[in-house]
Amino acid sequence: MSRFKKISILACSILAMLLLQSTVFAQNVKFGIKGGINTSFVDQDLSELEGQTIGEIVQDANFGYHGGLFTRFEFGPLLLQPELLVTSKKDLDIPILIGLKLGPVRLNGGPMARLAFDHNKVNLQEGGEEPTSFFGSSKYGAQAGIGFDMKKVAIDVRYETNLTALGDEAKLFGKPRSLNSGPPQISLSLGYLF
C-alpha cells in the first residue's frame, strides 16, 4: 500500500472518530441539504464599473452555483458545521466552520479545502505532464459569514477568500498545497435542516 493511501486512510479514520465523538458530546446534531449562488464580483476594481449599466455589471459578475450536504453539531451556543459542496466549476468544496449561535442568528468561519473533480485539466493548466491525484489538486482558503435559522430553513451569506497573505503554498502531509483557492467571492445559500 502506498504511503499516500496510508495517510489518506489515517486522516479519514481520525476525521470519522472526531465526528463520532462530536456526535456523542453534541447537545444537538442536525443534518441538512443546501444550495445557492456565488459571485466573484467582489474581486473587481470599482473604477472598472464606471459608465456600465446594471445589465453589464450583472453580466460581468461571474455567477456560479453550489449545492450539497452539511452536518451541524451544537454545543450550547457553539457549533461545528462541516459541509460537502459541489460547485458549478466542477470542484468539491469542504468548509469546516466553527461558529456562535445567538438565537436565530449564527456567526461562523473557518478553513475550506477545494478539490477539483477534473484534476487532469487542473494539472495541464499548471504545465504538468501527468494527471494529478484527486487530493493532489487540493487548494485551501477560508470562509466567514452570517446565517439565519427559521425553523427548518437556514439562510447563509458568506465571504470566501484565499490564504495567499500567508504565502503561495503550505506543506500538508509532506506535499506542497496551494493556498490560492481562487478570487474572493460572496455566496448566498438556502438550506433545509432534517
C-alpha atoms as a PDB file:
ATOM      1  CA  MET A   1       0.000   0.000   0.000  1.00  0.00           C
ATOM      2  CA  SER A   2       1.419   3.394  -0.982  1.00  0.00           C
ATOM      3  CA  ARG A   3       2.330   5.987   1.623  1.00  0.00           C
ATOM      4  CA  PHE A   4      -0.353   8.373   0.301  1.00  0.00           C
ATOM      5  CA  LYS A   5      -3.066   5.714   0.715  1.00  0.00           C
ATOM      6  CA  LYS A   6      -1.920   5.005   4.286  1.00  0.00           C
ATOM      7  CA  ILE A   7      -2.006   8.725   5.136  1.00  0.00           C
ATOM      8  CA  SER A   8      -5.427   9.101   3.482  1.00  0.00           C
ATOM      9  CA  ILE A   9      -6.835   6.153   5.455  1.00  0.00           C
ATOM     10  CA  LEU A  10      -5.346   7.527   8.688  1.00  0.00           C
ATOM     11  CA  ALA A  11      -6.741  11.034   8.033  1.00  0.00           C
ATOM     12  CA  CYS A  12     -10.207   9.654   7.194  1.00  0.00           C
ATOM     13  CA  SER A  13     -10.139   7.486  10.330  1.00  0.00           C
ATOM     14  CA  ILE A  14      -9.216  10.460  12.536  1.00  0.00           C
ATOM     15  CA  LEU A  15     -11.934  12.597  10.929  1.00  0.00           C
ATOM     16  CA  ALA A  16     -14.519   9.820  11.434  1.00  0.00           C
ATOM     17  CA  MET A  17     -13.521   9.487  15.116  1.00  0.00           C
ATOM     18  CA  LEU A  18     -13.767  13.252  15.638  1.00  0.00           C
ATOM     19  CA  LEU A  19     -17.202  13.360  14.019  1.00  0.00           C
ATOM     20  CA  LEU A  20     -18.342  10.362  16.083  1.00  0.00           C
ATOM     21  CA  GLN A  21     -17.041  11.962  19.282  1.00  0.00           C
ATOM     22  CA  SER A  22     -18.726  15.262  18.332  1.00  0.00           C
ATOM     23  CA  THR A  23     -21.975  13.366  17.815  1.00  0.00           C
ATOM     24  CA  VAL A  24     -21.706  11.829  21.301  1.00  0.00           C
ATOM     25  CA  PHE A  25     -20.952  15.113  23.097  1.00  0.00           C
ATOM     26  CA  ALA A  26     -23.067  17.457  20.995  1.00  0.00           C
ATOM     27  CA  GLN A  27     -26.310  18.581  22.597  1.00  0.00           C
ATOM     28  CA  ASN A  28     -27.982  18.721  19.214  1.00  0.00           C
ATOM     29  CA  VAL A  29     -26.998  17.237  15.835  1.00  0.00           C
ATOM     30  CA  LYS A  30     -28.693  18.341  12.622  1.00  0.00           C
ATOM     31  CA  PHE A  31     -28.265  17.245   9.022  1.00  0.00           C
ATOM     32  CA  GLY A  32     -29.201  19.284   6.006  1.00  0.00           C
ATOM     33  CA  ILE A  33     -29.062  19.961   2.316  1.00  0.00           C
ATOM     34  CA  LYS A  34     -28.241  23.325   0.799  1.00  0.00           C
ATOM     35  CA  GLY A  35     -27.820  25.124  -2.470  1.00  0.00           C
ATOM     36  CA  GLY A  36     -27.123  28.631  -3.638  1.00  0.00           C
ATOM     37  CA  ILE A  37     -25.313  31.074  -5.856  1.00  0.00           C
ATOM     38  CA  ASN A  38     -21.932  32.754  -5.640  1.00  0.00           C
ATOM     39  CA  THR A  39     -20.107  35.537  -7.425  1.00  0.00           C
ATOM     40  CA  SER A  40     -16.511  36.698  -7.633  1.00  0.00           C
ATOM     41  CA  PHE A  41     -17.819  40.206  -8.382  1.00  0.00           C
ATOM     42  CA  VAL A  42     -16.110  41.364  -5.164  1.00  0.00           C
ATOM     43  CA  ASP A  43     -12.737  40.965  -6.891  1.00  0.00           C
ATOM     44  CA  GLN A  44     -13.460  43.689  -9.455  1.00  0.00           C
ATOM     45  CA  ASP A  45     -11.883  47.131  -9.280  1.00  0.00           C
ATOM     46  CA  LEU A  46     -14.632  49.690  -8.628  1.00  0.00           C
ATOM     47  CA  SER A  47     -13.126  52.067 -11.190  1.00  0.00           C
ATOM     48  CA  GLU A  48     -13.951  49.469 -13.884  1.00  0.00           C
ATOM     49  CA  LEU A  49     -17.667  49.806 -13.067  1.00  0.00           C
ATOM     50  CA  GLU A  50     -17.918  53.479 -14.001  1.00  0.00           C
ATOM     51  CA  GLY A  51     -20.124  54.041 -17.031  1.00  0.00           C
ATOM     52  CA  GLN A  52     -21.501  50.476 -17.058  1.00  0.00           C
ATOM     53  CA  THR A  53     -25.205  49.743 -16.983  1.00  0.00           C
ATOM     54  CA  ILE A  54     -26.683  47.413 -14.334  1.00  0.00           C
ATOM     55  CA  GLY A  55     -27.110  44.756 -17.029  1.00  0.00           C
ATOM     56  CA  GLU A  56     -23.412  44.952 -17.944  1.00  0.00           C
ATOM     57  CA  ILE A  57     -22.376  44.789 -14.286  1.00  0.00           C
ATOM     58  CA  VAL A  58     -24.534  41.679 -13.714  1.00  0.00           C
ATOM     59  CA  GLN A  59     -23.164  40.070 -16.893  1.00  0.00           C
ATOM     60  CA  ASP A  60     -19.576  40.623 -15.679  1.00  0.00           C
ATOM     61  CA  ALA A  61     -20.343  39.416 -12.133  1.00  0.00           C
ATOM     62  CA  ASN A  62     -19.185  35.844 -12.849  1.00  0.00           C
ATOM     63  CA  PHE A  63     -22.028  33.960 -11.139  1.00  0.00           C
ATOM     64  CA  GLY A  64     -21.831  30.286 -10.228  1.00  0.00           C
ATOM     65  CA  TYR A  65     -23.799  27.859  -8.117  1.00  0.00           C
ATOM     66  CA  HIS A  66     -23.195  25.250  -5.453  1.00  0.00           C
ATOM     67  CA  GLY A  67     -25.126  22.516  -3.668  1.00  0.00           C
ATOM     68  CA  GLY A  68     -24.530  19.753  -1.194  1.00  0.00           C
ATOM     69  CA  LEU A  69     -24.837  18.427   2.335  1.00  0.00           C
ATOM     70  CA  PHE A  70     -23.941  19.667   5.800  1.00  0.00           C
ATOM     71  CA  THR A  71     -23.960  18.480   9.408  1.00  0.00           C
ATOM     72  CA  ARG A  72     -24.286  20.833  12.365  1.00  0.00           C
ATOM     73  CA  PHE A  73     -23.104  19.865  15.849  1.00  0.00           C
ATOM     74  CA  GLU A  74     -24.350  22.249  18.540  1.00  0.00           C
ATOM     75  CA  PHE A  75     -22.639  22.541  21.926  1.00  0.00           C
ATOM     76  CA  GLY A  76     -24.856  25.097  23.652  1.00  0.00           C
ATOM     77  CA  PRO A  77     -24.246  28.366  21.777  1.00  0.00           C
ATOM     78  CA  LEU A  78     -21.167  26.952  19.966  1.00  0.00           C
ATOM     79  CA  LEU A  79     -21.400  24.994  16.742  1.00  0.00           C
ATOM     80  CA  LEU A  80     -19.263  22.972  14.365  1.00  0.00           C
ATOM     81  CA  GLN A  81     -20.510  22.641  10.778  1.00  0.00           C
ATOM     82  CA  PRO A  82     -18.621  20.566   8.178  1.00  0.00           C
ATOM     83  CA  GLU A  83     -20.006  20.728   4.625  1.00  0.00           C
ATOM     84  CA  LEU A  84     -19.555  18.961   1.273  1.00  0.00           C
ATOM     85  CA  LEU A  85     -20.489  21.218  -1.649  1.00  0.00           C
ATOM     86  CA  VAL A  86     -20.258  20.590  -5.388  1.00  0.00           C
ATOM     87  CA  THR A  87     -19.744  23.784  -7.401  1.00  0.00           C
ATOM     88  CA  SER A  88     -20.503  24.808 -10.973  1.00  0.00           C
ATOM     89  CA  LYS A  89     -16.742  24.866 -11.611  1.00  0.00           C
ATOM     90  CA  LYS A  90     -16.591  21.087 -11.081  1.00  0.00           C
ATOM     91  CA  ASP A  91     -14.976  21.420  -7.669  1.00  0.00           C
ATOM     92  CA  LEU A  92     -15.714  19.827  -4.312  1.00  0.00           C
ATOM     93  CA  ASP A  93     -15.603  22.443  -1.541  1.00  0.00           C
ATOM     94  CA  ILE A  94     -15.170  21.233   2.037  1.00  0.00           C
ATOM     95  CA  PRO A  95     -15.584  24.094   4.527  1.00  0.00           C
ATOM     96  CA  ILE A  96     -15.325  23.289   8.244  1.00  0.00           C
ATOM     97  CA  LEU A  97     -16.966  26.148  10.097  1.00  0.00           C
ATOM     98  CA  ILE A  98     -16.852  26.982  13.784  1.00  0.00           C
ATOM     99  CA  GLY A  99     -19.485  29.376  14.995  1.00  0.00           C
ATOM    100  CA  LEU A 100     -21.548  31.039  17.647  1.00  0.00           C
ATOM    101  CA  LYS A 101     -25.336  30.847  17.702  1.00  0.00           C
ATOM    102  CA  LEU A 102     -27.202  33.848  19.115  1.00  0.00           C
ATOM    103  CA  GLY A 103     -30.887  32.973  18.902  1.00  0.00           C
ATOM    104  CA  PRO A 104     -31.787  32.607  15.217  1.00  0.00           C
ATOM    105  CA  VAL A 105     -28.509  34.272  14.130  1.00  0.00           C
ATOM    106  CA  ARG A 106     -25.275  32.352  13.502  1.00  0.00           C
ATOM    107  CA  LEU A 107     -21.778  33.824  13.116  1.00  0.00           C
ATOM    108  CA  ASN A 108     -19.293  31.354  11.664  1.00  0.00           C
ATOM    109  CA  GLY A 109     -15.987  30.985   9.903  1.00  0.00           C
ATOM    110  CA  GLY A 110     -13.233  28.525   9.223  1.00  0.00           C
ATOM    111  CA  PRO A 111     -10.928  26.869   6.722  1.00  0.00           C
ATOM    112  CA  MET A 112     -12.009  25.247   3.486  1.00  0.00           C
ATOM    113  CA  ALA A 113     -10.444  22.833   1.033  1.00  0.00           C
ATOM    114  CA  ARG A 114     -11.232  22.864  -2.683  1.00  0.00           C
ATOM    115  CA  LEU A 115     -10.675  19.675  -4.676  1.00  0.00           C
ATOM    116  CA  ALA A 116     -11.034  19.632  -8.464  1.00  0.00           C
ATOM    117  CA  PHE A 117     -13.079  16.759  -9.921  1.00  0.00           C
ATOM    118  CA  ASP A 118     -11.370  17.402 -13.273  1.00  0.00           C
ATOM    119  CA  HIS A 119      -7.829  17.062 -11.907  1.00  0.00           C
ATOM    120  CA  ASN A 120      -6.387  16.198 -15.334  1.00  0.00           C
ATOM    121  CA  LYS A 121      -7.471  19.630 -16.595  1.00  0.00           C
ATOM    122  CA  VAL A 122      -6.010  21.321 -13.492  1.00  0.00           C
ATOM    123  CA  ASN A 123      -2.675  19.601 -13.982  1.00  0.00           C
ATOM    124  CA  LEU A 124      -2.483  20.546 -17.676  1.00  0.00           C
ATOM    125  CA  GLN A 125      -3.235  24.190 -16.815  1.00  0.00           C
ATOM    126  CA  GLU A 126      -0.330  24.114 -14.366  1.00  0.00           C
ATOM    127  CA  GLY A 127       2.021  22.755 -17.032  1.00  0.00           C
ATOM    128  CA  GLY A 128       2.105  19.188 -15.749  1.00  0.00           C
ATOM    129  CA  GLU A 129       2.631  16.163 -17.948  1.00  0.00           C
ATOM    130  CA  GLU A 130       0.936  13.562 -15.754  1.00  0.00           C
ATOM    131  CA  PRO A 131      -2.527  13.566 -14.226  1.00  0.00           C
ATOM    132  CA  THR A 132      -2.534  14.637 -10.574  1.00  0.00           C
ATOM    133  CA  SER A 133      -4.469  12.719  -7.963  1.00  0.00           C
ATOM    134  CA  PHE A 134      -7.850  13.975  -6.729  1.00  0.00           C
ATOM    135  CA  PHE A 135      -6.275  15.093  -3.434  1.00  0.00           C
ATOM    136  CA  GLY A 136      -3.188  16.391  -5.222  1.00  0.00           C
ATOM    137  CA  SER A 137      -5.336  19.090  -6.817  1.00  0.00           C
ATOM    138  CA  SER A 138      -6.394  20.491  -3.432  1.00  0.00           C
ATOM    139  CA  LYS A 139      -6.286  24.217  -2.713  1.00  0.00           C
ATOM    140  CA  TYR A 140      -7.063  25.956   0.564  1.00  0.00           C
ATOM    141  CA  GLY A 141      -8.942  29.079   1.579  1.00  0.00           C
ATOM    142  CA  ALA A 142     -11.236  30.397   4.312  1.00  0.00           C
ATOM    143  CA  GLN A 143     -14.893  31.354   4.676  1.00  0.00           C
ATOM    144  CA  ALA A 144     -16.697  33.607   7.158  1.00  0.00           C
ATOM    145  CA  GLY A 145     -20.254  34.813   7.331  1.00  0.00           C
ATOM    146  CA  ILE A 146     -23.599  35.158   8.990  1.00  0.00           C
ATOM    147  CA  GLY A 147     -26.567  32.822   8.947  1.00  0.00           C
ATOM    148  CA  PHE A 148     -30.202  32.884   9.985  1.00  0.00           C
ATOM    149  CA  ASP A 149     -32.311  29.910  11.080  1.00  0.00           C
ATOM    150  CA  MET A 150     -36.094  29.950  10.706  1.00  0.00           C
ATOM    151  CA  LYS A 151     -37.432  26.612  11.978  1.00  0.00           C
ATOM    152  CA  LYS A 152     -36.014  24.125   9.442  1.00  0.00           C
ATOM    153  CA  VAL A 153     -34.766  26.698   6.923  1.00  0.00           C
ATOM    154  CA  ALA A 154     -31.205  28.064   7.066  1.00  0.00           C
ATOM    155  CA  ILE A 155     -30.037  31.113   5.105  1.00  0.00           C
ATOM    156  CA  ASP A 156     -26.312  31.880   4.853  1.00  0.00           C
ATOM    157  CA  VAL A 157     -24.297  34.763   3.420  1.00  0.00           C
ATOM    158  CA  ARG A 158     -20.537  34.173   3.304  1.00  0.00           C
ATOM    159  CA  TYR A 159     -17.355  35.793   2.140  1.00  0.00           C
ATOM    160  CA  GLU A 160     -14.673  33.442   0.831  1.00  0.00           C
ATOM    161  CA  THR A 161     -11.046  34.371   0.409  1.00  0.00           C
ATOM    162  CA  ASN A 162      -7.780  32.675  -0.411  1.00  0.00           C
ATOM    163  CA  LEU A 163      -4.887  32.453   2.054  1.00  0.00           C
ATOM    164  CA  THR A 164      -2.139  33.925  -0.145  1.00  0.00           C
ATOM    165  CA  ALA A 165      -1.399  36.524   2.546  1.00  0.00           C
ATOM    166  CA  LEU A 166       0.281  33.591   4.344  1.00  0.00           C
ATOM    167  CA  GLY A 167       2.272  32.613   1.232  1.00  0.00           C
ATOM    168  CA  ASP A 168       1.605  30.798  -2.022  1.00  0.00           C
ATOM    169  CA  GLU A 169       1.622  27.304  -0.559  1.00  0.00           C
ATOM    170  CA  ALA A 170       1.978  25.260   2.612  1.00  0.00           C
ATOM    171  CA  LYS A 171       3.094  21.701   3.233  1.00  0.00           C
ATOM    172  CA  LEU A 172       0.318  19.288   4.124  1.00  0.00           C
ATOM    173  CA  PHE A 173       1.046  15.576   4.546  1.00  0.00           C
ATOM    174  CA  GLY A 174       4.569  16.287   3.286  1.00  0.00           C
ATOM    175  CA  LYS A 175       3.472  17.801  -0.039  1.00  0.00           C
ATOM    176  CA  PRO A 176       3.097  21.447  -1.067  1.00  0.00           C
ATOM    177  CA  ARG A 177      -0.549  22.577  -1.304  1.00  0.00           C
ATOM    178  CA  SER A 178      -1.743  25.818  -2.879  1.00  0.00           C
ATOM    179  CA  LEU A 179      -3.200  28.497  -0.594  1.00  0.00           C
ATOM    180  CA  ASN A 180      -4.813  30.184  -3.587  1.00  0.00           C
ATOM    181  CA  SER A 181      -8.387  28.834  -3.765  1.00  0.00           C
ATOM    182  CA  GLY A 182      -9.311  31.435  -6.389  1.00  0.00           C
ATOM    183  CA  PRO A 183     -10.563  35.016  -6.355  1.00  0.00           C
ATOM    184  CA  PRO A 184     -12.566  36.236  -3.335  1.00  0.00           C
ATOM    185  CA  GLN A 185     -16.278  35.647  -3.650  1.00  0.00           C
ATOM    186  CA  ILE A 186     -19.602  36.117  -1.903  1.00  0.00           C
ATOM    187  CA  SER A 187     -22.115  33.292  -1.659  1.00  0.00           C
ATOM    188  CA  LEU A 188     -25.778  33.131  -0.717  1.00  0.00           C
ATOM    189  CA  SER A 189     -27.338  29.779   0.136  1.00  0.00           C
ATOM    190  CA  LEU A 190     -30.601  28.308   1.301  1.00  0.00           C
ATOM    191  CA  GLY A 191     -30.624  25.113   3.351  1.00  0.00           C
ATOM    192  CA  TYR A 192     -33.127  22.706   4.836  1.00  0.00           C
ATOM    193  CA  LEU A 193     -32.465  21.007   8.194  1.00  0.00           C
ATOM    194  CA  PHE A 194     -33.683  17.479   8.955  1.00  0.00           C
END
